[in-house]
Protein backbone atom coordinates (compact mmCIF):
# COMPACT_ATOMS: atom_id res chain seq x y z
CA MET A 1 8.74 20.20 3.03
CA ALA A 2 5.07 19.20 3.07
CA ARG A 3 5.16 19.15 -0.72
CA MET A 4 8.11 16.71 -0.64
CA ALA A 5 6.41 14.41 1.88
CA SER A 6 3.14 14.32 -0.21
CA ALA A 7 5.02 13.69 -3.48
CA ALA A 8 7.14 10.92 -2.10
CA THR A 9 4.21 9.26 -0.45
CA ILE A 10 2.24 9.19 -3.65
CA LEU A 11 5.15 7.92 -5.67
CA VAL A 12 5.85 5.02 -3.38
CA GLY A 13 2.25 4.11 -2.71
CA THR A 14 1.28 4.39 -6.40
CA ALA A 15 4.16 2.12 -7.53
CA ARG A 16 3.04 -0.65 -5.15
CA ALA A 17 -0.66 -0.33 -5.95
CA VAL A 18 -0.02 -0.23 -9.71
CA GLY A 19 2.27 -3.23 -9.38
CA LEU A 20 -0.43 -5.25 -7.66
CA ALA A 21 -3.14 -4.16 -10.04
CA ILE A 22 -1.11 -5.02 -13.14
CA ALA A 23 -0.05 -8.35 -11.63
CA VAL A 24 -3.65 -9.34 -11.05
CA ALA A 25 -4.95 -7.95 -14.40
CA THR A 26 -2.25 -9.65 -16.50
CA LEU A 27 -2.65 -12.92 -14.72
CA LEU A 28 -6.41 -12.90 -15.30
CA HIS A 29 -5.82 -12.03 -18.96
CA ALA A 30 -3.44 -14.90 -19.36
CA ILE A 31 -5.82 -17.32 -17.61
CA PRO A 32 -9.37 -16.53 -18.89
CA SER A 33 -10.89 -19.47 -17.06
CA LEU A 34 -8.75 -20.63 -14.21
CA ALA A 35 -11.31 -23.12 -12.94
CA GLN A 36 -11.76 -24.66 -16.39
CA ALA A 37 -8.00 -24.92 -16.96
CA GLY A 38 -7.45 -26.33 -13.55
CA ALA A 39 -9.93 -29.07 -14.26
CA SER A 40 -7.92 -30.19 -17.28
CA SER A 41 -5.66 -33.14 -16.71
CA ASP A 42 -3.08 -31.33 -18.89
CA ALA A 43 -2.78 -28.31 -16.64
CA GLN A 44 0.48 -27.87 -14.71
CA PHE A 45 0.55 -25.48 -11.80
CA PHE A 46 3.70 -23.57 -11.06
CA ARG A 47 3.73 -21.72 -7.74
CA ILE A 48 6.17 -18.86 -7.22
CA GLY A 49 6.87 -17.87 -3.63
CA SER A 50 7.83 -14.24 -3.26
CA GLY A 51 7.91 -11.51 -0.62
CA ALA A 52 5.04 -9.90 1.34
CA VAL A 53 2.05 -8.50 -0.54
CA ASP A 54 3.44 -4.91 -0.43
CA SER A 55 6.91 -5.95 -1.52
CA PRO A 56 8.48 -5.34 -5.02
CA SER A 57 9.09 -8.95 -5.49
CA PHE A 58 5.40 -9.88 -5.07
CA ALA A 59 4.32 -7.38 -7.69
CA LEU A 60 6.95 -8.66 -10.03
CA ALA A 61 6.18 -12.33 -9.33
CA GLY A 62 2.55 -11.73 -10.43
CA LEU A 63 3.81 -10.35 -13.78
CA VAL A 64 6.26 -13.16 -14.26
CA ALA A 65 3.49 -15.73 -13.48
CA ALA A 66 1.40 -14.13 -16.24
CA GLY A 67 4.38 -14.42 -18.66
CA LEU A 68 5.00 -18.02 -17.85
CA SER A 69 1.31 -19.09 -18.06
CA SER A 70 -0.21 -20.73 -21.15
CA PRO A 71 -3.18 -22.73 -19.92
CA PRO A 72 -4.55 -25.69 -21.87
CA GLY A 73 -7.21 -24.76 -24.41
CA GLY A 74 -6.01 -21.26 -24.94
CA ARG A 75 -5.08 -19.65 -28.27
CA ALA A 76 -1.56 -20.23 -29.57
CA CYS A 77 1.06 -17.52 -29.06
CA GLU A 78 1.29 -16.81 -32.79
CA HIS A 79 -2.46 -16.17 -32.87
CA GLY A 80 -2.56 -13.67 -30.04
CA GLY A 81 -2.69 -16.10 -27.10
CA SER A 82 -0.40 -16.59 -24.18
CA CYS A 83 3.29 -17.14 -25.02
CA GLY A 84 4.27 -18.97 -21.80
CA VAL A 85 4.94 -22.67 -21.16
CA PRO A 86 2.25 -24.72 -22.86
CA GLY A 87 -0.15 -26.19 -20.34
CA MET A 88 1.28 -24.24 -17.44
CA ILE A 89 -0.64 -22.02 -14.98
CA ALA A 90 1.82 -20.02 -12.89
CA LEU A 91 0.66 -18.26 -9.72
CA ALA A 92 2.49 -15.87 -7.32
CA GLN A 93 2.26 -16.55 -3.59
CA ALA A 94 3.11 -14.07 -0.91
CA ILE A 95 5.37 -15.54 1.89
CA ALA A 96 6.36 -13.87 5.06
CA SER A 97 10.09 -14.30 4.73
CA PRO A 98 12.69 -15.54 2.32
CA ALA A 99 13.78 -18.20 4.76
CA GLU A 100 10.21 -19.54 4.92
CA ALA A 101 9.96 -19.42 1.13
CA ILE A 102 13.18 -21.45 0.70
CA GLU A 103 11.85 -23.98 3.30
CA LEU A 104 8.62 -24.40 1.33
CA LEU A 105 10.62 -24.98 -1.83
CA GLU A 106 12.63 -27.62 -0.11
CA GLN A 107 9.42 -29.28 1.03
CA ARG A 108 8.03 -29.15 -2.60
CA GLN A 109 5.06 -27.13 -1.40
CA ILE A 110 5.89 -24.43 -4.00
CA ASP A 111 7.91 -24.75 -7.23
CA ALA A 112 10.11 -21.60 -7.28
CA VAL A 113 11.05 -18.75 -5.07
CA LEU A 114 11.98 -15.09 -5.76
CA VAL A 115 14.22 -14.07 -2.93
CA PRO A 116 17.38 -11.92 -2.26
CA ALA A 117 20.64 -13.65 -3.30
CA GLY A 118 22.00 -13.28 0.22
CA ASP A 119 19.22 -15.36 1.75
CA ALA A 120 19.67 -18.05 -0.89
CA TYR A 121 23.49 -18.01 -0.46
CA ARG A 122 23.25 -18.42 3.33
CA ALA A 123 20.71 -21.21 2.96
CA TYR A 124 22.88 -22.96 0.31
CA THR A 125 26.06 -22.76 2.32
CA ALA A 126 24.67 -23.49 5.77
CA LYS A 127 25.78 -26.77 7.37
CA ARG A 128 23.94 -29.37 9.28
CA PRO A 129 25.39 -30.48 12.63
CA ASP A 130 27.03 -33.40 10.79
CA GLY A 131 28.72 -30.99 8.34
CA ALA A 132 26.53 -31.72 5.35
CA LYS A 133 25.11 -28.90 3.32
CA ARG A 134 21.42 -28.12 4.08
CA ARG A 135 20.16 -26.71 0.81
CA GLU A 136 21.85 -28.66 -1.95
CA ALA A 137 18.43 -28.77 -3.51
CA LEU A 138 18.49 -24.98 -4.34
CA ARG A 139 19.32 -24.01 -7.89
CA SER A 140 19.40 -20.64 -9.76
CA VAL A 141 17.31 -19.67 -12.75
CA ALA A 142 17.94 -15.92 -13.13
CA THR A 143 18.57 -12.55 -11.47
CA LEU A 144 15.36 -10.60 -12.06
CA PHE A 145 16.17 -7.21 -10.48
CA VAL A 146 18.60 -5.65 -8.10
CA GLU A 147 18.32 -3.42 -5.14
CA THR A 148 21.12 -0.88 -4.79
CA VAL A 149 22.78 0.87 -1.87
CA HIS A 150 22.47 4.59 -1.98
CA ALA A 151 24.45 6.65 0.60
CA VAL A 152 22.49 9.90 0.46
CA VAL A 153 23.47 13.28 1.94
CA ARG A 154 22.42 16.84 1.30
CA ARG A 155 24.63 18.52 -1.18
CA ASP A 156 25.23 21.48 1.09
CA ALA A 157 26.56 19.26 3.88
CA ARG A 158 29.84 18.78 2.07
CA PHE A 159 30.49 15.24 3.21
CA GLU A 160 32.97 13.67 0.95
CA THR A 161 33.14 10.02 1.97
CA VAL A 162 31.03 7.44 3.89
CA ASP A 163 33.68 7.61 6.63
CA ASP A 164 32.66 11.28 7.21
CA LEU A 165 29.33 9.93 8.43
CA ARG A 166 30.69 7.92 11.34
CA ARG A 167 29.42 9.00 14.67
CA ARG A 168 26.96 11.28 12.83
CA PRO A 169 23.13 10.81 12.89
CA VAL A 170 22.51 8.38 10.00
CA ALA A 171 19.61 5.96 9.39
CA GLY A 172 18.88 3.04 7.17
CA ALA A 173 15.80 3.18 4.98
CA THR A 174 14.02 0.61 2.85
CA ASP A 175 10.38 -0.11 1.91
CA ASP A 176 11.14 -3.71 1.07
CA PRO A 177 10.97 -5.98 4.22
CA SER A 178 13.06 -8.66 2.59
CA ALA A 179 15.93 -6.23 2.08
CA ALA A 180 16.07 -5.12 5.78
CA PRO A 181 18.73 -7.69 6.79
CA PHE A 182 21.00 -6.56 3.98
CA LEU A 183 20.48 -2.90 4.87
CA GLN A 184 21.54 -3.59 8.48
CA LEU A 185 24.54 -5.59 7.32
CA THR A 186 25.50 -2.66 5.01
CA MET A 187 25.23 -0.18 7.88
CA SER A 188 27.43 -2.44 10.11
CA GLN A 189 29.98 -2.94 7.41
CA LEU A 190 30.22 0.79 6.93
CA GLY A 191 30.63 1.39 10.68
CA LEU A 192 27.51 3.53 10.90
CA ASP A 193 25.31 3.74 14.02
CA GLY A 194 22.31 2.25 12.24
CA GLY A 195 24.22 -1.00 11.89
CA ARG A 196 24.23 -1.85 15.57
CA LYS A 197 22.25 -4.95 16.44
CA GLY A 198 18.58 -4.17 16.91
CA ALA A 199 18.78 -0.70 15.38
CA PRO A 200 15.48 -0.05 13.62
CA ASN A 201 15.27 0.89 9.92
CA VAL A 202 12.94 3.61 8.76
CA THR A 203 10.65 3.87 5.76
CA LEU A 204 12.09 5.79 2.80
CA GLN A 205 9.43 8.57 3.31
CA ALA A 206 10.38 9.01 6.97
CA GLY A 207 14.11 8.92 6.23
CA LEU A 208 13.84 11.56 3.46
CA GLN A 209 11.67 13.80 5.76
CA ALA A 210 14.35 13.59 8.45
CA LEU A 211 17.16 14.30 6.02
CA ALA A 212 15.35 17.38 4.60
CA GLU A 213 14.70 18.64 8.19
CA ARG A 214 18.41 18.08 9.08
CA ARG A 215 17.57 15.63 11.83
CA LEU A 216 19.80 13.24 9.90
CA ASP A 217 23.18 13.89 8.24
CA GLY A 218 22.85 10.92 6.00
CA LEU A 219 20.49 8.21 4.82
CA VAL A 220 21.50 4.77 3.59
CA VAL A 221 18.80 3.56 1.23
CA VAL A 222 18.38 0.11 -0.23
CA ALA A 223 15.96 0.26 -3.26
CA THR A 224 15.84 -0.27 -6.98
CA ALA A 225 17.51 2.51 -8.89
CA PRO A 226 16.48 5.08 -9.78
CA GLN A 227 14.13 5.18 -6.96
CA PRO A 228 11.07 7.38 -7.75
CA ALA A 229 10.65 8.97 -4.38
CA LEU A 230 14.35 9.76 -4.10
CA ALA A 231 14.31 11.20 -7.58
CA GLU A 232 11.44 13.54 -6.55
CA PHE A 233 13.30 14.47 -3.40
CA ALA A 234 16.45 15.30 -5.35
CA HIS A 235 14.45 18.02 -7.32
CA LEU A 236 13.37 19.63 -4.04
CA VAL A 237 16.41 19.09 -1.79
CA PRO A 238 19.75 18.86 -3.74
CA ILE A 239 21.56 15.63 -2.84
CA HIS A 240 24.92 13.98 -3.28
CA LEU A 241 25.53 10.21 -3.37
CA LEU A 242 28.63 9.00 -1.59
CA ALA A 243 30.76 6.22 -3.12
CA ILE A 244 30.85 3.00 -1.13
CA PRO A 245 34.24 1.29 -1.26
CA ARG A 246 34.30 -2.11 -2.99
CA PRO A 247 35.98 -3.92 -0.02
CA THR A 248 32.88 -3.17 2.02
CA PHE A 249 31.29 -6.33 0.70
CA GLY A 250 34.49 -8.31 0.03
CA ARG A 251 33.28 -11.48 1.78
CA LEU A 252 29.88 -11.51 0.13
CA PRO A 253 30.29 -13.05 -3.36
CA TYR A 254 26.66 -12.39 -4.39
CA VAL A 255 26.89 -8.57 -3.97
CA SER A 256 27.41 -7.05 -7.34
CA ALA A 257 27.59 -3.50 -8.66
CA ILE A 258 25.75 -1.41 -11.20
CA LYS A 259 26.70 1.88 -12.85
CA LEU A 260 24.07 4.54 -12.24
CA PRO A 261 24.14 6.99 -15.24
CA ALA A 262 24.64 10.63 -14.63
CA GLY A 263 21.31 12.47 -14.18
CA SER A 264 19.47 9.54 -12.78
CA TYR A 265 18.89 11.83 -9.82
CA ALA A 266 18.98 15.57 -10.40
CA GLY A 267 22.49 16.97 -10.16
CA VAL A 268 24.07 13.57 -9.35
CA ASP A 269 27.02 12.37 -11.42
CA ALA A 270 27.46 8.79 -12.63
CA ILE A 271 28.38 6.49 -9.80
CA GLU A 272 28.82 2.84 -9.13
CA LEU A 273 26.37 1.43 -6.56
CA PRO A 274 26.60 -1.91 -4.72
CA ALA A 275 23.76 -4.18 -5.83
CA LEU A 276 21.84 -6.99 -4.09
CA PRO A 277 20.42 -9.30 -6.72
CA ILE A 278 16.86 -10.64 -6.28
CA GLN A 279 16.85 -13.98 -7.94
CA LEU A 280 14.52 -16.75 -9.07
CA PHE A 281 15.33 -20.31 -7.77
CA VAL A 282 13.87 -23.77 -8.41
CA ALA A 283 14.57 -27.14 -6.82
CA ALA A 284 17.55 -29.15 -8.00
CA GLY A 285 15.27 -32.03 -8.89
CA ALA A 286 13.04 -29.95 -11.20
CA ASP A 287 12.73 -31.36 -14.67
CA PRO A 288 15.44 -29.83 -16.93
CA ASP A 289 13.09 -29.59 -19.89
CA ARG A 290 10.52 -27.74 -17.84
CA VAL A 291 13.12 -25.41 -16.32
CA GLU A 292 14.49 -24.66 -19.80
CA ALA A 293 10.91 -23.87 -21.04
CA ILE A 294 10.38 -21.57 -18.06
CA THR A 295 13.62 -19.74 -18.63
CA ARG A 296 12.75 -19.22 -22.35
CA ALA A 297 9.32 -17.88 -21.48
CA LEU A 298 10.77 -15.67 -18.80
CA TRP A 299 12.94 -13.90 -21.41
CA ASN A 300 10.67 -13.96 -24.42
CA ASP A 301 9.23 -10.82 -26.09
CA ALA A 302 5.73 -11.33 -24.74
CA THR A 303 6.96 -11.36 -21.09
CA ALA A 304 9.19 -8.35 -21.84
CA LYS A 305 6.01 -6.44 -22.94
CA LEU A 306 4.21 -7.37 -19.74
CA LEU A 307 7.15 -6.16 -17.64
CA ALA A 308 7.51 -2.97 -19.60
CA ALA A 309 3.90 -2.01 -18.79
CA GLY A 310 4.40 -2.79 -15.08
CA PRO A 311 5.65 -0.77 -12.09
CA PRO A 312 9.20 0.67 -11.96
CA VAL A 313 10.79 -2.48 -10.55
CA ALA A 314 9.39 -4.55 -13.45
CA ARG A 315 10.90 -2.18 -15.99
CA THR A 316 14.38 -2.88 -14.62
CA VAL A 317 14.19 -6.66 -15.40
CA LYS A 318 16.69 -7.17 -18.25
CA LEU A 319 18.19 -10.25 -19.93
CA ASP A 320 21.57 -8.48 -19.73
CA ASN A 321 21.47 -8.84 -15.90
CA ALA A 322 20.10 -12.42 -15.80
CA LEU A 323 23.42 -13.86 -14.55
CA LEU A 324 24.48 -10.98 -12.33
CA GLY A 325 25.56 -12.12 -8.90
CA ILE A 326 24.77 -15.78 -9.51
CA VAL A 327 26.65 -17.87 -6.91
CA VAL A 328 24.21 -20.70 -6.20
CA PRO A 329 24.74 -22.96 -9.27
CA LEU A 330 22.37 -22.61 -12.26
CA HIS A 331 19.88 -25.39 -12.77
CA PRO A 332 21.03 -27.37 -15.89
CA GLY A 333 17.74 -26.58 -17.70
CA ALA A 334 18.30 -22.83 -17.29
CA ALA A 335 21.97 -23.26 -18.31
CA ARG A 336 20.86 -24.73 -21.62
CA PHE A 337 19.13 -21.47 -22.58
CA TYR A 338 22.00 -19.21 -21.52
CA ARG A 339 24.53 -21.43 -23.28
CA GLU A 340 22.46 -21.37 -26.45
CA ILE A 341 22.28 -17.54 -26.52
CA GLY A 342 25.99 -17.28 -25.62
CA THR A 343 25.77 -15.57 -22.22
CA LEU A 344 26.77 -18.39 -19.83
CA ASN A 345 30.46 -17.67 -19.56
CA THR A 346 31.87 -18.45 -16.04
CA THR A 347 28.53 -18.71 -14.20
CA PRO A 348 28.50 -21.90 -12.06
CA VAL A 349 26.21 -24.72 -13.29
CA ALA A 350 25.04 -27.62 -11.35
CA ASP A 351 25.96 -31.15 -12.49
């Protein structure tokens, strides 16, 4: 069991450290002289608010910022320079909570936010005392990654459904602070003890340790899939993933689903997992041409290479999922790009 704990700790810790290191290194590479670029009247700063420093969204925001940046005076993209938005210097900024990030976007203190779809949806649909919408200024750009719900049990426990875990010792686990509210909501919707108000979540490492030692019968994990620590655990302690019924999230339009291929975790068959999209938003009043340029830079080949060299969460960012779970209307500038490449379909677009 000590071997499992050590391996899982290394995997989780290394992913975070590598993500931060790559984010800083790529940003410095993209902006060889930040002070000099900032002094230029042509420089445009673009601040992306994301999660806490140790969150997946912060590591990813740093890489995205590097991809969007192309400071004045640099080499052209075709000559080996930055391939971002000409004249733009993008920066990632850690913010304590998604609600605070959205508030700062409303106040124009930052230019974009990378937050869970649930927080954006609640902010967008919340009402003022007079009945007016509070966050009409919020507009979508893209889904960057998803965090999925894993209902994990030991294979030898022979639980068949999530209902079998009711009134059993079960915990919720996540290493992403911004996903904690969604995890508790999931536990509550499933009728599990960990969903009661005020019930604490545990770290993924602590949860896996307790599951291996049979102090827990089940562990509900919210994380990107496949999750490295869980994959390592599955090689040491055979696991089974329980299906989560679709009606569990029936009233939450932003909750999507992804198909996890067989073998993603040792011995686990293909399964559909509920997915919480983590999305990039801008203000409704942002210039459409600028937002279109940002969207193009986000999905160009150069940014894809940066992401491919990043931590596991960055390698899950795919254009195929860009419109997954979009319920807050797309910014018209972003919609231009998706319409041009033929992927817009029924995604809502702001006027």
